[in-house]
Amino acid sequence: MQRWRGYDAAPGGWGRSVVTIGVFDGVHKGHQATIGHAVARARELGVQSVVVTFDPHPAEVVRPGSHPAVLTEPARKAELIEALGVDALCVVPFTPEFSRVPAEAFVHDLLVQHLHAALVVVGENFRFGHKAAGDVALLERLGRTFGFSVEGAPLVAEDSTVFSSTYIRACVDAGDVAAAAAALGRPHRIEGVVVRGDQRGRELGFPTANLLCHRYVAVPADGVYAARLVRRGHRERLAAAVSVGTNPTFSGRERRVEAYALDFSGDLYGEWLALDFVTHLRGQVRFDSVEPLVAQITEDVERARRALG
């Protein structure tokens, strides 16, 4: 898959293409259906498929301070999109200047002049241009003017629940990682580098990897989870019990993500790790002393082992 930073990075000899546009945070089942439809139509037409997305999230530029929790960081999002068979990924820097581009100019500059769109596939709630003035109906009218077709992709739902990034963020925020996984089509993942913490886990007999995550990452609600731990450069996936919270037993204030890798001995400091959350085991609890805390952690580890098979 080719990757471009900005649509003006598209090769000069780029031919006609099928384009789909969106933030695609999470690359959930709804996104997968839209992108998959674009890829299939591109193959039918014998042209290239292009996914256009934005960085940073448009909300942070249009309404500073409103950046939503991120379900997939840029590198992970690119990997997931590539796995869907896309030919090119175009990441458009979403700047204040770009946010003020009128809908008509957005279509002409991006879709016509640089990507030579033959077909544009978008979700039925797609909006574009300054103040989100453009909708699917306007895109269709502009398509007739500039010589491309438009196909809307219906929203994907199961049991009357429409899958959306907003819905998945709510699931993660509530600690319902199983519901999030059902909408994503895979477990929710957070990533980061292992840094030194208070080393209390080591003193208690359960050494943990303290994960330093990006400031906007969608971290599940405080509690204990069963998860799969992925190390960069390693093929195996380790079973893990993960604690999210402030360590109230020790009057902690800083919210942390700490993973205890089952049946693992070694030093993870400085490593990049990913945690795939499988199930919620319990909420955060404050214990009066160390002994009941250790007993609970022992039970948590065994429950995680059973949950992960």
Protein backbone atom coordinates (compact mmCIF):
# COMPACT_ATOMS: atom_id res chain seq x y z
CA MET A 1 0.00 0.00 0.00
CA GLN A 2 1.30 3.44 -0.93
CA ARG A 3 1.16 6.06 1.83
CA TRP A 4 0.99 9.80 1.18
CA ARG A 5 1.13 12.70 3.61
CA GLY A 6 -1.13 15.26 1.97
CA TYR A 7 -3.06 14.78 -1.28
CA ASP A 8 -0.51 16.80 -3.22
CA ALA A 9 1.91 13.89 -2.60
CA ALA A 10 -0.08 11.69 -5.00
CA PRO A 11 2.11 10.70 -7.98
CA GLY A 12 1.77 12.92 -11.03
CA GLY A 13 0.81 9.98 -13.25
CA TRP A 14 -1.84 8.68 -10.87
CA GLY A 15 -4.77 7.32 -12.87
CA ARG A 16 -8.47 7.10 -12.05
CA SER A 17 -9.38 5.78 -8.64
CA VAL A 18 -12.15 4.84 -6.26
CA VAL A 19 -11.92 7.02 -3.17
CA THR A 20 -13.44 6.75 0.28
CA ILE A 21 -13.07 9.48 2.89
CA GLY A 22 -13.36 9.56 6.66
CA VAL A 23 -11.57 9.80 10.00
CA PHE A 24 -11.97 6.00 10.35
CA ASP A 25 -10.94 6.00 14.01
CA GLY A 26 -11.08 2.38 15.16
CA VAL A 27 -11.50 0.97 11.64
CA HIS A 28 -14.55 -0.77 13.09
CA LYS A 29 -17.01 -3.03 11.29
CA GLY A 30 -18.82 -0.10 9.71
CA HIS A 31 -15.56 1.34 8.40
CA GLN A 32 -14.49 -2.08 7.20
CA ALA A 33 -17.71 -2.39 5.19
CA THR A 34 -17.24 1.05 3.60
CA ILE A 35 -13.56 0.54 2.78
CA GLY A 36 -14.20 -3.02 1.63
CA HIS A 37 -16.90 -1.78 -0.74
CA ALA A 38 -14.50 0.80 -2.19
CA VAL A 39 -11.79 -1.84 -2.69
CA ALA A 40 -14.24 -4.22 -4.38
CA ARG A 41 -15.58 -1.52 -6.72
CA ALA A 42 -12.04 -0.43 -7.62
CA ARG A 43 -11.21 -3.97 -8.66
CA GLU A 44 -14.39 -4.20 -10.71
CA LEU A 45 -13.50 -0.97 -12.50
CA GLY A 46 -9.84 -1.87 -12.90
CA VAL A 47 -8.59 1.21 -11.04
CA GLN A 48 -6.79 1.94 -7.77
CA SER A 49 -8.48 2.28 -4.37
CA VAL A 50 -7.61 5.22 -2.12
CA VAL A 51 -8.55 5.86 1.51
CA VAL A 52 -8.40 9.51 2.59
CA THR A 53 -8.20 10.22 6.32
CA PHE A 54 -7.13 13.13 8.51
CA ASP A 55 -4.55 13.94 11.18
CA PRO A 56 -5.06 15.33 13.75
CA HIS A 57 -8.71 14.59 14.44
CA PRO A 58 -10.79 17.41 12.88
CA ALA A 59 -12.61 18.02 16.17
CA GLU A 60 -9.40 19.16 17.83
CA VAL A 61 -8.85 21.80 15.15
CA VAL A 62 -12.44 22.99 14.81
CA ARG A 63 -13.10 22.94 18.59
CA PRO A 64 -9.73 22.99 20.42
CA GLY A 65 -9.77 20.90 23.58
CA SER A 66 -12.52 18.60 22.30
CA HIS A 67 -10.25 15.86 20.91
CA PRO A 68 -12.12 12.57 21.35
CA ALA A 69 -10.41 9.54 22.85
CA VAL A 70 -8.42 7.77 20.13
CA LEU A 71 -9.33 4.16 19.33
CA THR A 72 -6.48 3.59 16.86
CA GLU A 73 -3.29 5.60 16.68
CA PRO A 74 -2.09 6.56 13.17
CA ALA A 75 0.36 3.69 12.61
CA ARG A 76 -2.16 1.11 13.81
CA LYS A 77 -4.92 2.64 11.69
CA ALA A 78 -2.70 2.42 8.62
CA GLU A 79 -1.95 -1.25 9.33
CA LEU A 80 -5.65 -2.08 9.64
CA ILE A 81 -6.54 -0.19 6.46
CA GLU A 82 -3.74 -1.89 4.53
CA ALA A 83 -5.05 -5.29 5.66
CA LEU A 84 -8.32 -4.50 3.85
CA GLY A 85 -6.53 -4.50 0.48
CA VAL A 86 -6.36 -0.75 -0.10
CA ASP A 87 -3.90 0.47 -2.75
CA ALA A 88 -3.11 3.88 -1.26
CA LEU A 89 -3.64 5.74 2.01
CA CYS A 90 -3.68 9.54 1.90
CA VAL A 91 -3.38 11.25 5.28
CA VAL A 92 -4.44 14.88 4.98
CA PRO A 93 -3.02 17.24 7.64
CA PHE A 94 -6.12 18.83 9.14
CA THR A 95 -5.05 22.41 9.78
CA PRO A 96 -7.11 25.53 10.58
CA GLU A 97 -6.56 26.60 6.96
CA PHE A 98 -7.81 23.27 5.61
CA SER A 99 -10.87 23.46 7.87
CA ARG A 100 -11.90 26.64 6.06
CA VAL A 101 -11.77 25.14 2.56
CA PRO A 102 -15.28 25.35 0.98
CA ALA A 103 -17.01 22.10 0.09
CA GLU A 104 -16.75 22.73 -3.67
CA ALA A 105 -13.00 23.46 -3.47
CA PHE A 106 -12.49 20.37 -1.32
CA VAL A 107 -14.02 18.21 -4.03
CA HIS A 108 -12.19 19.87 -6.93
CA ASP A 109 -8.73 19.96 -5.32
CA LEU A 110 -8.76 16.59 -3.57
CA LEU A 111 -11.03 14.31 -5.57
CA VAL A 112 -10.71 15.71 -9.09
CA GLN A 113 -7.35 17.38 -9.49
CA HIS A 114 -5.16 15.07 -7.40
CA LEU A 115 -6.94 11.70 -6.99
CA HIS A 116 -8.83 11.64 -10.32
CA ALA A 117 -11.84 9.99 -8.73
CA ALA A 118 -14.03 7.82 -10.91
CA LEU A 119 -16.16 6.82 -7.93
CA VAL A 120 -16.44 8.09 -4.36
CA VAL A 121 -17.76 5.81 -1.62
CA VAL A 122 -18.86 7.46 1.63
CA GLY A 123 -21.07 6.74 4.61
CA GLU A 124 -24.61 8.04 4.42
CA ASN A 125 -23.84 10.59 7.19
CA PHE A 126 -20.72 11.95 5.45
CA ARG A 127 -20.08 15.69 5.76
CA PHE A 128 -17.27 17.77 4.26
CA GLY A 129 -16.00 21.28 3.64
CA HIS A 130 -16.04 24.44 5.75
CA LYS A 131 -18.47 24.14 8.68
CA ALA A 132 -19.40 20.65 7.35
CA ALA A 133 -21.60 22.36 4.76
CA GLY A 134 -21.30 19.51 2.24
CA ASP A 135 -23.35 16.33 2.38
CA VAL A 136 -23.89 13.30 0.16
CA ALA A 137 -26.48 15.13 -1.97
CA LEU A 138 -24.02 17.95 -2.73
CA LEU A 139 -21.27 15.43 -3.43
CA GLU A 140 -23.54 13.72 -5.96
CA ARG A 141 -24.30 17.04 -7.70
CA LEU A 142 -20.60 17.90 -7.87
CA GLY A 143 -19.90 14.41 -9.15
CA ARG A 144 -22.19 15.00 -12.10
CA THR A 145 -20.30 18.22 -12.81
CA PHE A 146 -16.81 16.76 -12.53
CA GLY A 147 -17.44 13.29 -13.93
CA PHE A 148 -17.41 10.92 -10.97
CA SER A 149 -20.09 8.76 -9.37
CA VAL A 150 -21.04 8.56 -5.72
CA GLU A 151 -22.16 5.51 -3.78
CA GLY A 152 -23.33 5.70 -0.19
CA ALA A 153 -22.39 2.96 2.23
CA PRO A 154 -25.15 2.12 4.72
CA LEU A 155 -24.42 2.14 8.44
CA VAL A 156 -23.60 -1.27 9.94
CA ALA A 157 -25.64 -2.47 12.93
CA GLU A 158 -26.27 -5.60 14.95
CA ASP A 159 -29.25 -6.08 17.27
CA SER A 160 -30.36 -2.50 16.55
CA THR A 161 -26.96 -1.12 17.68
CA VAL A 162 -25.31 1.03 15.02
CA PHE A 163 -21.55 0.65 15.09
CA SER A 164 -19.77 3.98 15.31
CA SER A 165 -16.58 5.32 16.82
CA THR A 166 -18.67 7.27 19.35
CA TYR A 167 -20.46 4.10 20.46
CA ILE A 168 -17.18 2.19 20.82
CA ARG A 169 -15.59 5.00 22.82
CA ALA A 170 -18.57 4.85 25.19
CA CYS A 171 -18.12 1.08 25.57
CA VAL A 172 -14.41 1.47 26.34
CA ASP A 173 -15.06 4.33 28.75
CA ALA A 174 -17.55 2.11 30.60
CA GLY A 175 -15.11 -0.81 30.72
CA ASP A 176 -17.26 -2.95 28.43
CA VAL A 177 -14.36 -4.12 26.30
CA ALA A 178 -16.32 -7.15 25.09
CA ALA A 179 -18.96 -4.90 23.48
CA ALA A 180 -16.20 -2.74 22.01
CA ALA A 181 -14.57 -5.84 20.51
CA ALA A 182 -17.89 -6.93 19.00
CA ALA A 183 -18.17 -3.60 17.17
CA LEU A 184 -14.49 -3.43 16.21
CA GLY A 185 -14.27 -7.02 15.01
CA ARG A 186 -11.19 -7.49 17.25
CA PRO A 187 -10.17 -6.56 20.81
CA HIS A 188 -9.64 -2.90 21.65
CA ARG A 189 -5.91 -2.16 21.73
CA ILE A 190 -3.83 0.44 23.51
CA GLU A 191 -0.10 0.87 22.93
CA GLY A 192 2.83 2.48 24.66
CA VAL A 193 6.34 2.23 26.05
CA VAL A 194 7.09 0.52 29.36
CA VAL A 195 8.41 2.99 31.93
CA ARG A 196 9.43 2.62 35.56
CA GLY A 197 6.69 2.97 38.13
CA ASP A 198 6.71 2.56 41.90
CA GLN A 199 7.74 -1.12 41.57
CA ARG A 200 5.13 -2.13 44.15
CA GLY A 201 4.01 -4.99 41.93
CA ARG A 202 7.47 -6.51 42.13
CA GLU A 203 7.41 -6.20 45.93
CA LEU A 204 4.02 -7.96 46.00
CA GLY A 205 5.23 -10.80 43.78
CA PHE A 206 3.48 -9.58 40.63
CA PRO A 207 5.90 -7.39 38.64
CA THR A 208 3.98 -5.20 36.21
CA ALA A 209 4.81 -3.31 33.04
CA ASN A 210 3.75 0.32 33.51
CA LEU A 211 2.57 1.52 30.09
CA LEU A 212 3.10 5.15 29.03
CA CYS A 213 0.33 5.86 26.51
CA HIS A 214 -0.45 8.75 24.19
CA ARG A 215 -2.43 11.51 25.94
CA TYR A 216 -5.59 10.97 23.86
CA VAL A 217 -5.68 7.16 23.84
CA ALA A 218 -9.00 5.51 24.76
CA VAL A 219 -8.09 3.80 28.04
CA PRO A 220 -10.78 1.52 29.52
CA ALA A 221 -12.53 2.41 32.78
CA ASP A 222 -10.70 1.82 36.05
CA GLY A 223 -10.62 -1.86 36.93
CA VAL A 224 -8.89 -5.14 36.19
CA TYR A 225 -8.95 -6.85 32.79
CA ALA A 226 -7.77 -9.97 31.00
CA ALA A 227 -5.73 -8.99 27.96
CA ARG A 228 -3.25 -10.22 25.39
CA LEU A 229 0.16 -8.57 25.54
CA VAL A 230 2.02 -8.04 22.26
CA ARG A 231 5.74 -7.17 22.18
CA ARG A 232 7.17 -5.41 19.15
CA GLY A 233 9.45 -7.79 17.27
CA HIS A 234 8.03 -10.89 18.98
CA ARG A 235 5.48 -13.25 17.47
CA GLU A 236 4.06 -14.67 20.70
CA ARG A 237 1.13 -13.04 22.46
CA LEU A 238 1.34 -13.25 26.24
CA ALA A 239 -1.63 -13.62 28.56
CA ALA A 240 -1.86 -10.72 30.98
CA ALA A 241 -3.87 -9.34 33.89
CA VAL A 242 -4.10 -5.57 33.51
CA SER A 243 -4.89 -2.99 36.16
CA VAL A 244 -6.21 0.41 35.13
CA GLY A 245 -6.53 3.05 37.82
CA THR A 246 -4.87 5.02 40.61
CA ASN A 247 -3.82 2.24 43.05
CA PRO A 248 -6.20 3.47 45.80
CA THR A 249 -4.79 1.01 48.36
CA PHE A 250 -1.58 3.06 48.28
CA SER A 251 -3.42 6.42 47.97
CA GLY A 252 -2.28 6.84 44.39
CA ARG A 253 -3.41 9.82 42.32
CA GLU A 254 -1.89 9.18 38.91
CA ARG A 255 -3.99 7.02 36.63
CA ARG A 256 -1.90 4.16 35.26
CA VAL A 257 -2.10 1.10 33.02
CA GLU A 258 -0.11 -1.77 34.52
CA ALA A 259 0.12 -5.23 32.96
CA TYR A 260 1.24 -8.41 34.69
CA ALA A 261 2.35 -10.92 32.05
CA LEU A 262 1.47 -14.45 33.11
CA ASP A 263 4.22 -17.07 33.03
CA PHE A 264 6.80 -14.52 31.90
CA SER A 265 10.13 -13.65 33.42
CA GLY A 266 12.27 -10.89 31.98
CA ASP A 267 12.75 -7.16 31.74
CA LEU A 268 10.26 -5.18 29.65
CA TYR A 269 11.50 -1.68 30.53
CA GLY A 270 11.84 0.52 27.48
CA GLU A 271 9.93 -1.90 25.23
CA TRP A 272 6.96 -0.93 23.09
CA LEU A 273 3.92 -3.02 24.06
CA ALA A 274 0.35 -3.37 22.90
CA LEU A 275 -2.49 -4.62 25.09
CA ASP A 276 -5.55 -6.21 23.47
CA PHE A 277 -8.35 -6.06 26.06
CA VAL A 278 -10.46 -9.22 26.10
CA THR A 279 -12.73 -9.02 29.14
CA HIS A 280 -13.42 -6.98 32.27
CA LEU A 281 -12.74 -8.92 35.47
CA ARG A 282 -13.69 -6.46 38.24
CA GLY A 283 -13.81 -2.82 39.22
CA GLN A 284 -11.17 -0.91 41.14
CA VAL A 285 -11.19 -1.62 44.89
CA ARG A 286 -9.38 -0.07 47.85
CA PHE A 287 -8.05 -2.60 50.36
CA ASP A 288 -7.26 -1.86 54.00
CA SER A 289 -3.95 -3.73 53.94
CA VAL A 290 -1.54 -5.51 51.62
CA GLU A 291 -2.63 -9.07 52.47
CA PRO A 292 -6.16 -8.92 51.03
CA LEU A 293 -4.78 -7.04 48.02
CA VAL A 294 -2.32 -9.86 47.27
CA ALA A 295 -5.08 -12.45 47.69
CA GLN A 296 -7.27 -10.52 45.24
CA ILE A 297 -4.45 -10.16 42.70
CA THR A 298 -3.83 -13.90 42.91
CA GLU A 299 -7.51 -14.48 42.14
CA ASP A 300 -7.41 -11.90 39.32
CA VAL A 301 -4.48 -13.70 37.70
CA GLU A 302 -6.27 -17.04 37.78
CA ARG A 303 -9.45 -15.52 36.37
CA ALA A 304 -7.43 -13.90 33.59
CA ARG A 305 -5.80 -17.24 32.84
CA ARG A 306 -9.19 -18.93 32.53
CA ALA A 307 -10.66 -16.10 30.45
CA LEU A 308 -7.76 -16.22 28.01
CA GLY A 309 -7.68 -19.99 27.75
